[in-house]
Amino acid sequence: MPYRWVGPLFVGFGLLLGLVGQTGSGRHGNAWETASLVLAAGPFLLWTVTLVSGQLGERHARHDARAVILRTGLVVHSARSLGLSSWAPGLRHRDLGAGTHLRHRYEGLRLIVERGGRYYAVPTEWRARTDSVFVLRESAGVRIELTPGVIWVRLTSSRYCRDGIEACVPGWCG
């Protein structure tokens, strides 16, 4: 429901208009009447702000889920295999050999957010409904490199071009 916040907004404003109507008619309500109308309108207006914020958050999340390829890239080097799923779409794992300290290299990840030393990452072809989010932490045996996101020129709402190569953002094209 795109406008589910309209109901609480109208109720809150209606209560506040009742307060304005009292003062506009020359009748001044006592302090209890005024306070009760303001206190009754407050929760409805806060509810409206909560619903609008939730709606905007959902819209941004849907957009970000469709445009994962455009986010900052991650390259993870690890001394031991991290066991990141080999079936994850777009994730590439390379074993650099036993003589290398950080012998496992993971590419094809995109950074969602970094909080408290943890990197939340998804594969480049991530699907929100079915794929996992990887939580990585940098340590002596794990190094995380940030790379620029893919710089694309928008051709249409779902097609991008980079260096003459046209690409389709997964989930946007048929």
Protein backbone atom coordinates (compact mmCIF):
# COMPACT_ATOMS: atom_id res chain seq x y z
CA MET A 1 0.00 0.00 0.00
CA PRO A 2 1.86 3.08 -1.19
CA TYR A 3 -0.12 5.62 0.84
CA ARG A 4 -0.87 3.74 4.06
CA TRP A 5 0.46 6.73 6.00
CA VAL A 6 -2.36 9.05 4.85
CA GLY A 7 -4.88 7.75 7.43
CA PRO A 8 -2.84 8.57 10.55
CA LEU A 9 -1.81 11.88 8.98
CA PHE A 10 -5.44 12.96 8.48
CA VAL A 11 -6.42 11.89 12.00
CA GLY A 12 -3.47 13.79 13.51
CA PHE A 13 -4.15 16.93 11.50
CA GLY A 14 -7.87 16.64 12.23
CA LEU A 15 -7.16 16.68 15.94
CA LEU A 16 -4.89 19.69 15.54
CA LEU A 17 -7.52 21.47 13.42
CA GLY A 18 -9.97 20.89 16.26
CA LEU A 19 -7.58 22.81 18.46
CA VAL A 20 -7.31 25.64 15.90
CA GLY A 21 -11.10 25.69 15.57
CA GLN A 22 -11.44 26.26 19.31
CA THR A 23 -9.12 29.26 19.33
CA GLY A 24 -10.44 30.68 16.03
CA SER A 25 -14.04 30.81 17.22
CA GLY A 26 -13.22 33.02 20.16
CA ARG A 27 -13.82 30.15 22.56
CA HIS A 28 -10.70 29.31 24.48
CA GLY A 29 -10.60 25.77 25.77
CA ASN A 30 -9.09 25.09 29.09
CA ALA A 31 -5.53 23.79 29.37
CA TRP A 32 -6.68 20.16 29.73
CA GLU A 33 -8.65 20.23 26.47
CA THR A 34 -5.73 21.79 24.61
CA ALA A 35 -3.22 19.35 26.10
CA SER A 36 -5.42 16.35 25.38
CA LEU A 37 -5.82 17.31 21.70
CA VAL A 38 -2.08 17.88 21.27
CA LEU A 39 -1.23 14.63 23.08
CA ALA A 40 -3.79 12.73 21.01
CA ALA A 41 -2.44 14.15 17.72
CA GLY A 42 1.23 13.46 18.60
CA PRO A 43 1.14 9.63 18.29
CA PHE A 44 -0.75 9.83 14.98
CA LEU A 45 1.83 12.23 13.53
CA LEU A 46 4.71 10.07 14.81
CA TRP A 47 3.00 7.02 13.31
CA THR A 48 2.82 8.88 9.99
CA VAL A 49 6.54 9.70 10.09
CA THR A 50 7.31 6.04 10.88
CA LEU A 51 5.23 4.77 7.96
CA VAL A 52 6.73 7.28 5.51
CA SER A 53 10.26 6.38 6.66
CA GLY A 54 9.53 2.68 6.24
CA GLN A 55 8.14 3.24 2.76
CA LEU A 56 11.17 5.26 1.69
CA GLY A 57 13.51 2.65 3.19
CA GLU A 58 11.79 -0.14 1.26
CA ARG A 59 12.03 1.85 -1.95
CA HIS A 60 15.76 2.49 -1.45
CA ALA A 61 16.37 -1.17 -0.55
CA ARG A 62 14.64 -2.38 -3.73
CA HIS A 63 16.69 0.03 -5.82
CA ASP A 64 19.95 -0.98 -4.13
CA ALA A 65 19.17 -4.67 -4.57
CA ARG A 66 18.75 -4.14 -8.32
CA ALA A 67 21.94 -2.05 -8.67
CA VAL A 68 24.45 -4.19 -6.71
CA ILE A 69 26.92 -4.13 -9.61
CA LEU A 70 27.33 -0.36 -9.19
CA ARG A 71 28.42 -0.57 -5.52
CA THR A 72 32.01 -0.52 -4.19
CA GLY A 73 33.84 -3.76 -4.97
CA LEU A 74 35.63 -6.03 -2.49
CA VAL A 75 38.60 -8.29 -3.05
CA VAL A 76 39.26 -10.64 -0.14
CA HIS A 77 42.61 -12.33 0.44
CA SER A 78 42.74 -15.09 3.04
CA ALA A 79 45.33 -17.50 4.43
CA ARG A 80 42.65 -20.21 4.76
CA SER A 81 39.61 -20.93 2.67
CA LEU A 82 36.71 -18.88 3.96
CA GLY A 83 34.18 -21.36 2.65
CA LEU A 84 32.29 -18.71 0.72
CA SER A 85 29.78 -20.52 -1.39
CA SER A 86 31.13 -21.45 -4.79
CA TRP A 87 27.55 -21.45 -6.10
CA ALA A 88 27.12 -17.76 -5.30
CA PRO A 89 26.47 -16.00 -8.63
CA GLY A 90 29.33 -13.77 -9.72
CA LEU A 91 31.72 -14.87 -6.94
CA ARG A 92 35.14 -16.03 -8.14
CA HIS A 93 37.62 -17.92 -5.95
CA ARG A 94 41.25 -18.44 -6.88
CA ASP A 95 43.84 -20.47 -4.96
CA LEU A 96 47.20 -18.73 -5.44
CA GLY A 97 49.23 -21.73 -4.24
CA ALA A 98 50.74 -23.09 -1.05
CA GLY A 99 53.74 -20.74 -1.15
CA THR A 100 51.59 -17.64 -0.78
CA HIS A 101 50.70 -16.33 2.70
CA LEU A 102 47.23 -15.12 1.71
CA ARG A 103 46.65 -17.87 -0.82
CA HIS A 104 42.87 -17.61 -1.32
CA ARG A 105 41.53 -14.70 -3.35
CA TYR A 106 37.82 -13.93 -3.65
CA GLU A 107 36.58 -11.50 -6.30
CA GLY A 108 33.15 -10.48 -7.51
CA LEU A 109 31.87 -9.13 -4.19
CA ARG A 110 30.14 -5.82 -3.56
CA LEU A 111 30.13 -3.92 -0.28
CA ILE A 112 26.73 -3.27 1.26
CA VAL A 113 27.89 -1.66 4.50
CA GLU A 114 30.82 -1.67 6.93
CA ARG A 115 29.96 -1.51 10.62
CA GLY A 116 32.10 -2.26 13.65
CA GLY A 117 34.92 -3.82 11.67
CA ARG A 118 32.55 -6.12 9.79
CA TYR A 119 32.06 -5.93 6.04
CA TYR A 120 28.67 -7.01 4.74
CA ALA A 121 29.12 -8.12 1.15
CA VAL A 122 27.12 -9.75 -1.62
CA PRO A 123 28.14 -11.31 -4.96
CA THR A 124 27.83 -9.14 -8.05
CA GLU A 125 24.84 -11.10 -9.38
CA TRP A 126 23.11 -11.25 -6.00
CA ARG A 127 19.36 -11.87 -5.80
CA ALA A 128 17.72 -10.52 -2.65
CA ARG A 129 15.18 -13.32 -2.26
CA THR A 130 17.50 -16.30 -2.62
CA ASP A 131 21.17 -15.43 -2.07
CA SER A 132 23.25 -15.01 1.06
CA VAL A 133 24.94 -11.96 2.50
CA PHE A 134 28.53 -12.60 3.57
CA VAL A 135 29.84 -11.05 6.80
CA LEU A 136 33.63 -10.64 6.68
CA ARG A 137 36.07 -9.37 9.30
CA GLU A 138 39.60 -8.23 8.55
CA SER A 139 42.30 -9.95 10.63
CA ALA A 140 45.92 -11.13 10.39
CA GLY A 141 44.81 -13.94 8.07
CA VAL A 142 42.26 -11.93 6.08
CA ARG A 143 42.87 -8.78 4.07
CA ILE A 144 40.03 -6.87 2.47
CA GLU A 145 40.63 -4.48 -0.42
CA LEU A 146 38.08 -1.95 -1.59
CA THR A 147 37.91 -1.33 -5.31
CA PRO A 148 35.95 1.27 -7.26
CA GLY A 149 32.44 0.35 -8.18
CA VAL A 150 31.78 -0.28 -11.82
CA ILE A 151 31.56 3.05 -13.59
CA TRP A 152 28.85 2.77 -16.16
CA VAL A 153 27.11 5.20 -18.45
CA ARG A 154 23.34 4.75 -18.28
CA LEU A 155 21.81 3.99 -21.66
CA THR A 156 18.27 3.24 -20.46
CA SER A 157 16.72 2.50 -17.07
CA SER A 158 18.19 -1.02 -17.14
CA ARG A 159 21.08 -0.96 -19.61
CA TYR A 160 24.53 0.44 -19.00
CA CYS A 161 27.66 0.82 -21.10
CA ARG A 162 31.32 0.79 -20.07
CA ASP A 163 34.23 1.02 -22.48
CA GLY A 164 31.92 0.25 -25.39
CA ILE A 165 30.56 -2.91 -23.74
CA GLU A 166 26.84 -2.87 -23.07
CA ALA A 167 25.59 -4.65 -19.94
CA CYS A 168 22.28 -5.38 -18.31
CA VAL A 169 21.88 -4.98 -14.56
CA PRO A 170 20.57 -8.34 -13.25
CA GLY A 171 16.92 -8.17 -12.32
CA TRP A 172 16.25 -5.12 -14.47
CA CYS A 173 16.24 -6.74 -17.90
CA GLY A 174 14.04 -9.42 -19.35
